[in-house]
Amino acid sequence: MTESAASPAAYELAQVNIARLKAPLDSPQLKDFVTALDPVNEAADLSDGFVWRLQSDSGNATDVPVFGDDWLIINMSTWRDPEALTAFMYEGQHRELLARRREWFERLREAVTALWWVPAGHRPTVAEAEQRLVHLRAHGPTEYAFTLRTSFPAGVAEPVAV
């Protein structure tokens, strides 16, 4: 099968989301966020269309370095399609946490979330996620790195030439 004739089932949707903490993870200010991590991660794991998520030995990814900044935390996962990701994001406890994000995280001017298609079974690395975010910030949504608002069909994509 050629790449242009590949079916969407041959791909999964990768997502990365980073956030800059307003306080240390063990601070009283972040207690509600930290307490909710395990239940929200469990809900994601059980969600229809969920495939994989980045995690360290802690069971989450709050201690995984990103962009060499100790105040940034990363969330990265793969999903069957954008609809499955969206359904999880805006339901249940995750929706509640999303509504409270300004209590715990700084508002960043640059893009903090990027999506891209990966071959089914591929597990993206943090370096790959950083490249996609940097590309999205530099070029806006493209097939290589996009957003839920401006998405692209599944398939192989190359970065925009500089």
C-alpha atoms as a PDB file:
ATOM      1  CA  MET A   1       0.000   0.000   0.000  1.00  0.00           C
ATOM      2  CA  THR A   2       1.377   3.417  -0.843  1.00  0.00           C
ATOM      3  CA  GLU A   3       1.469   6.184   1.752  1.00  0.00           C
ATOM      4  CA  SER A   4      -1.169   8.156  -0.114  1.00  0.00           C
ATOM      5  CA  ALA A   5      -3.505   5.167  -0.048  1.00  0.00           C
ATOM      6  CA  ALA A   6      -2.917   4.384   3.642  1.00  0.00           C
ATOM      7  CA  SER A   7      -6.041   4.151   5.738  1.00  0.00           C
ATOM      8  CA  PRO A   8      -6.478   6.225   8.908  1.00  0.00           C
ATOM      9  CA  ALA A   9      -6.403   2.964  10.912  1.00  0.00           C
ATOM     10  CA  ALA A  10      -2.710   2.730  10.008  1.00  0.00           C
ATOM     11  CA  TYR A  11      -2.133   5.891  12.072  1.00  0.00           C
ATOM     12  CA  GLU A  12      -2.747   7.112  15.602  1.00  0.00           C
ATOM     13  CA  LEU A  13      -3.045  10.688  16.785  1.00  0.00           C
ATOM     14  CA  ALA A  14      -0.189  11.857  18.994  1.00  0.00           C
ATOM     15  CA  GLN A  15      -0.716  14.800  21.315  1.00  0.00           C
ATOM     16  CA  VAL A  16       1.645  16.749  23.530  1.00  0.00           C
ATOM     17  CA  ASN A  17       0.674  19.345  26.067  1.00  0.00           C
ATOM     18  CA  ILE A  18       3.143  21.229  28.226  1.00  0.00           C
ATOM     19  CA  ALA A  19       2.494  23.565  31.135  1.00  0.00           C
ATOM     20  CA  ARG A  20       4.652  25.855  33.284  1.00  0.00           C
ATOM     21  CA  LEU A  21       3.990  25.357  36.969  1.00  0.00           C
ATOM     22  CA  LYS A  22       3.149  28.348  39.168  1.00  0.00           C
ATOM     23  CA  ALA A  23       4.536  26.543  42.222  1.00  0.00           C
ATOM     24  CA  PRO A  24       6.405  23.319  43.057  1.00  0.00           C
ATOM     25  CA  LEU A  25       4.407  20.102  42.648  1.00  0.00           C
ATOM     26  CA  ASP A  26       4.601  19.441  46.404  1.00  0.00           C
ATOM     27  CA  SER A  27       3.213  22.883  47.288  1.00  0.00           C
ATOM     28  CA  PRO A  28      -0.247  23.427  48.822  1.00  0.00           C
ATOM     29  CA  GLN A  29      -1.187  25.486  45.734  1.00  0.00           C
ATOM     30  CA  LEU A  30      -0.882  22.381  43.489  1.00  0.00           C
ATOM     31  CA  LYS A  31      -2.372  19.848  45.938  1.00  0.00           C
ATOM     32  CA  ASP A  32      -5.687  19.469  44.058  1.00  0.00           C
ATOM     33  CA  PHE A  33      -3.880  19.037  40.735  1.00  0.00           C
ATOM     34  CA  VAL A  34      -1.451  16.429  42.071  1.00  0.00           C
ATOM     35  CA  THR A  35      -4.245  14.548  43.880  1.00  0.00           C
ATOM     36  CA  ALA A  36      -6.220  14.353  40.622  1.00  0.00           C
ATOM     37  CA  LEU A  37      -3.343  13.016  38.479  1.00  0.00           C
ATOM     38  CA  ASP A  38      -3.847   9.303  39.150  1.00  0.00           C
ATOM     39  CA  PRO A  39      -7.652   9.325  38.756  1.00  0.00           C
ATOM     40  CA  VAL A  40      -7.483  11.393  35.555  1.00  0.00           C
ATOM     41  CA  ASN A  41      -4.744   9.178  34.124  1.00  0.00           C
ATOM     42  CA  GLU A  42      -6.822   6.098  34.970  1.00  0.00           C
ATOM     43  CA  ALA A  43      -9.838   7.649  33.240  1.00  0.00           C
ATOM     44  CA  ALA A  44      -7.687   8.310  30.165  1.00  0.00           C
ATOM     45  CA  ASP A  45      -6.350   4.754  30.183  1.00  0.00           C
ATOM     46  CA  LEU A  46      -9.923   3.430  30.164  1.00  0.00           C
ATOM     47  CA  SER A  47     -11.267   5.880  27.572  1.00  0.00           C
ATOM     48  CA  ASP A  48     -12.555   4.651  24.227  1.00  0.00           C
ATOM     49  CA  GLY A  49      -9.892   5.378  21.643  1.00  0.00           C
ATOM     50  CA  PHE A  50      -7.009   5.748  24.117  1.00  0.00           C
ATOM     51  CA  VAL A  51      -3.822   3.980  22.980  1.00  0.00           C
ATOM     52  CA  TRP A  52      -0.795   5.049  25.082  1.00  0.00           C
ATOM     53  CA  ARG A  53       0.541   7.761  27.382  1.00  0.00           C
ATOM     54  CA  LEU A  54       3.988   8.871  28.444  1.00  0.00           C
ATOM     55  CA  GLN A  55       4.786   7.934  32.011  1.00  0.00           C
ATOM     56  CA  SER A  56       7.793   7.459  34.227  1.00  0.00           C
ATOM     57  CA  ASP A  57       8.113   5.085  37.173  1.00  0.00           C
ATOM     58  CA  SER A  58       5.816   7.492  39.066  1.00  0.00           C
ATOM     59  CA  GLY A  59       2.890   6.505  36.816  1.00  0.00           C
ATOM     60  CA  ASN A  60       2.628   9.980  35.327  1.00  0.00           C
ATOM     61  CA  ALA A  61       5.051  12.237  33.465  1.00  0.00           C
ATOM     62  CA  THR A  62       5.456  15.192  35.829  1.00  0.00           C
ATOM     63  CA  ASP A  63       9.114  14.270  36.388  1.00  0.00           C
ATOM     64  CA  VAL A  64       9.959  13.825  32.683  1.00  0.00           C
ATOM     65  CA  PRO A  65      12.183  16.717  31.504  1.00  0.00           C
ATOM     66  CA  VAL A  66      10.966  18.880  28.628  1.00  0.00           C
ATOM     67  CA  PHE A  67      12.784  21.782  26.900  1.00  0.00           C
ATOM     68  CA  GLY A  68      15.390  21.680  29.701  1.00  0.00           C
ATOM     69  CA  ASP A  69      13.068  23.680  31.980  1.00  0.00           C
ATOM     70  CA  ASP A  70      12.421  22.312  35.488  1.00  0.00           C
ATOM     71  CA  TRP A  71       9.183  24.297  35.744  1.00  0.00           C
ATOM     72  CA  LEU A  72       7.614  22.714  32.640  1.00  0.00           C
ATOM     73  CA  ILE A  73       5.639  19.491  32.845  1.00  0.00           C
ATOM     74  CA  ILE A  74       4.587  17.345  29.905  1.00  0.00           C
ATOM     75  CA  ASN A  75       1.602  15.225  29.011  1.00  0.00           C
ATOM     76  CA  MET A  76       1.876  13.109  25.890  1.00  0.00           C
ATOM     77  CA  SER A  77      -0.377  10.358  24.568  1.00  0.00           C
ATOM     78  CA  THR A  78      -1.667   8.663  21.450  1.00  0.00           C
ATOM     79  CA  TRP A  79      -5.309   8.202  20.495  1.00  0.00           C
ATOM     80  CA  ARG A  80      -7.327   6.477  17.793  1.00  0.00           C
ATOM     81  CA  ASP A  81      -8.502   9.810  16.366  1.00  0.00           C
ATOM     82  CA  PRO A  82      -9.251  13.447  17.269  1.00  0.00           C
ATOM     83  CA  GLU A  83     -12.819  12.589  18.293  1.00  0.00           C
ATOM     84  CA  ALA A  84     -11.609  10.146  20.966  1.00  0.00           C
ATOM     85  CA  LEU A  85      -9.135  12.695  22.338  1.00  0.00           C
ATOM     86  CA  THR A  86     -11.736  15.459  22.359  1.00  0.00           C
ATOM     87  CA  ALA A  87     -14.304  13.257  24.093  1.00  0.00           C
ATOM     88  CA  PHE A  88     -11.854  12.537  26.919  1.00  0.00           C
ATOM     89  CA  MET A  89     -10.640  16.133  27.223  1.00  0.00           C
ATOM     90  CA  TYR A  90     -14.074  17.637  27.723  1.00  0.00           C
ATOM     91  CA  GLU A  91     -15.671  15.002  29.958  1.00  0.00           C
ATOM     92  CA  GLY A  92     -15.599  14.205  33.667  1.00  0.00           C
ATOM     93  CA  GLN A  93     -12.758  15.089  35.971  1.00  0.00           C
ATOM     94  CA  HIS A  94     -10.426  16.131  33.153  1.00  0.00           C
ATOM     95  CA  ARG A  95     -12.916  18.816  32.151  1.00  0.00           C
ATOM     96  CA  GLU A  96     -13.028  20.031  35.764  1.00  0.00           C
ATOM     97  CA  LEU A  97      -9.226  20.244  35.914  1.00  0.00           C
ATOM     98  CA  LEU A  98      -9.075  22.002  32.565  1.00  0.00           C
ATOM     99  CA  ALA A  99     -11.379  24.684  33.957  1.00  0.00           C
ATOM    100  CA  ARG A 100      -8.982  25.222  36.898  1.00  0.00           C
ATOM    101  CA  ARG A 101      -5.692  25.203  34.933  1.00  0.00           C
ATOM    102  CA  ARG A 102      -4.995  28.925  35.544  1.00  0.00           C
ATOM    103  CA  GLU A 103      -4.775  28.205  39.296  1.00  0.00           C
ATOM    104  CA  TRP A 104      -1.784  25.921  38.728  1.00  0.00           C
ATOM    105  CA  PHE A 105      -0.133  26.915  35.449  1.00  0.00           C
ATOM    106  CA  GLU A 106       1.175  30.127  33.947  1.00  0.00           C
ATOM    107  CA  ARG A 107      -0.407  31.408  30.772  1.00  0.00           C
ATOM    108  CA  LEU A 108       2.177  30.972  28.032  1.00  0.00           C
ATOM    109  CA  ARG A 109       2.093  33.004  24.823  1.00  0.00           C
ATOM    110  CA  GLU A 110       3.489  30.273  22.579  1.00  0.00           C
ATOM    111  CA  ALA A 111       1.686  27.080  21.596  1.00  0.00           C
ATOM    112  CA  VAL A 112       1.688  24.502  24.386  1.00  0.00           C
ATOM    113  CA  THR A 113      -0.277  21.780  22.604  1.00  0.00           C
ATOM    114  CA  ALA A 114       0.507  20.058  19.324  1.00  0.00           C
ATOM    115  CA  LEU A 115      -1.008  17.118  17.480  1.00  0.00           C
ATOM    116  CA  TRP A 116       0.458  14.937  14.734  1.00  0.00           C
ATOM    117  CA  TRP A 117      -0.133  11.563  13.158  1.00  0.00           C
ATOM    118  CA  VAL A 118       2.173   8.643  13.922  1.00  0.00           C
ATOM    119  CA  PRO A 119       2.238   5.140  12.452  1.00  0.00           C
ATOM    120  CA  ALA A 120       0.091   2.817  14.577  1.00  0.00           C
ATOM    121  CA  GLY A 121       2.206   1.428  17.408  1.00  0.00           C
ATOM    122  CA  HIS A 122       4.792   4.243  17.337  1.00  0.00           C
ATOM    123  CA  ARG A 123       5.507   5.777  20.745  1.00  0.00           C
ATOM    124  CA  PRO A 124       6.617   9.387  20.339  1.00  0.00           C
ATOM    125  CA  THR A 125       9.618  10.649  22.294  1.00  0.00           C
ATOM    126  CA  VAL A 126       9.899  13.893  24.221  1.00  0.00           C
ATOM    127  CA  ALA A 127      12.418  15.116  21.629  1.00  0.00           C
ATOM    128  CA  GLU A 128       9.873  14.412  18.885  1.00  0.00           C
ATOM    129  CA  ALA A 129       7.197  16.307  20.814  1.00  0.00           C
ATOM    130  CA  GLU A 130       9.528  19.268  21.338  1.00  0.00           C
ATOM    131  CA  GLN A 131      10.222  19.365  17.571  1.00  0.00           C
ATOM    132  CA  ARG A 132       6.490  19.366  16.797  1.00  0.00           C
ATOM    133  CA  LEU A 133       5.789  22.184  19.257  1.00  0.00           C
ATOM    134  CA  VAL A 134       8.667  24.283  17.916  1.00  0.00           C
ATOM    135  CA  HIS A 135       7.441  23.673  14.362  1.00  0.00           C
ATOM    136  CA  LEU A 136       3.866  24.659  15.258  1.00  0.00           C
ATOM    137  CA  ARG A 137       5.118  27.830  16.934  1.00  0.00           C
ATOM    138  CA  ALA A 138       7.206  28.752  13.877  1.00  0.00           C
ATOM    139  CA  HIS A 139       4.791  27.806  11.073  1.00  0.00           C
ATOM    140  CA  GLY A 140       1.297  27.571  12.555  1.00  0.00           C
ATOM    141  CA  PRO A 141      -0.829  24.478  11.931  1.00  0.00           C
ATOM    142  CA  THR A 142       0.509  22.231   9.163  1.00  0.00           C
ATOM    143  CA  GLU A 143       0.254  18.514   8.458  1.00  0.00           C
ATOM    144  CA  TYR A 144       3.458  18.113  10.501  1.00  0.00           C
ATOM    145  CA  ALA A 145       2.089  19.734  13.690  1.00  0.00           C
ATOM    146  CA  PHE A 146      -1.444  20.991  14.167  1.00  0.00           C
ATOM    147  CA  THR A 147      -4.209  21.755  16.653  1.00  0.00           C
ATOM    148  CA  LEU A 148      -7.693  20.431  17.312  1.00  0.00           C
ATOM    149  CA  ARG A 149      -9.094  23.565  15.663  1.00  0.00           C
ATOM    150  CA  THR A 150      -6.993  23.095  12.537  1.00  0.00           C
ATOM    151  CA  SER A 151      -6.433  19.398  12.002  1.00  0.00           C
ATOM    152  CA  PHE A 152      -5.270  17.362   9.038  1.00  0.00           C
ATOM    153  CA  PRO A 153      -6.055  13.856   7.790  1.00  0.00           C
ATOM    154  CA  ALA A 154      -3.903  10.938   8.887  1.00  0.00           C
ATOM    155  CA  GLY A 155      -0.744  10.346   6.916  1.00  0.00           C
ATOM    156  CA  VAL A 156       2.962  10.955   6.636  1.00  0.00           C
ATOM    157  CA  ALA A 157       3.973  14.614   6.925  1.00  0.00           C
ATOM    158  CA  GLU A 158       7.269  16.397   6.553  1.00  0.00           C
ATOM    159  CA  PRO A 159       8.275  19.627   8.315  1.00  0.00           C
ATOM    160  CA  VAL A 160       7.945  22.871   6.393  1.00  0.00           C
ATOM    161  CA  ALA A 161      11.259  23.681   4.696  1.00  0.00           C
ATOM    162  CA  VAL A 162      12.956  26.728   6.094  1.00  0.00           C
END
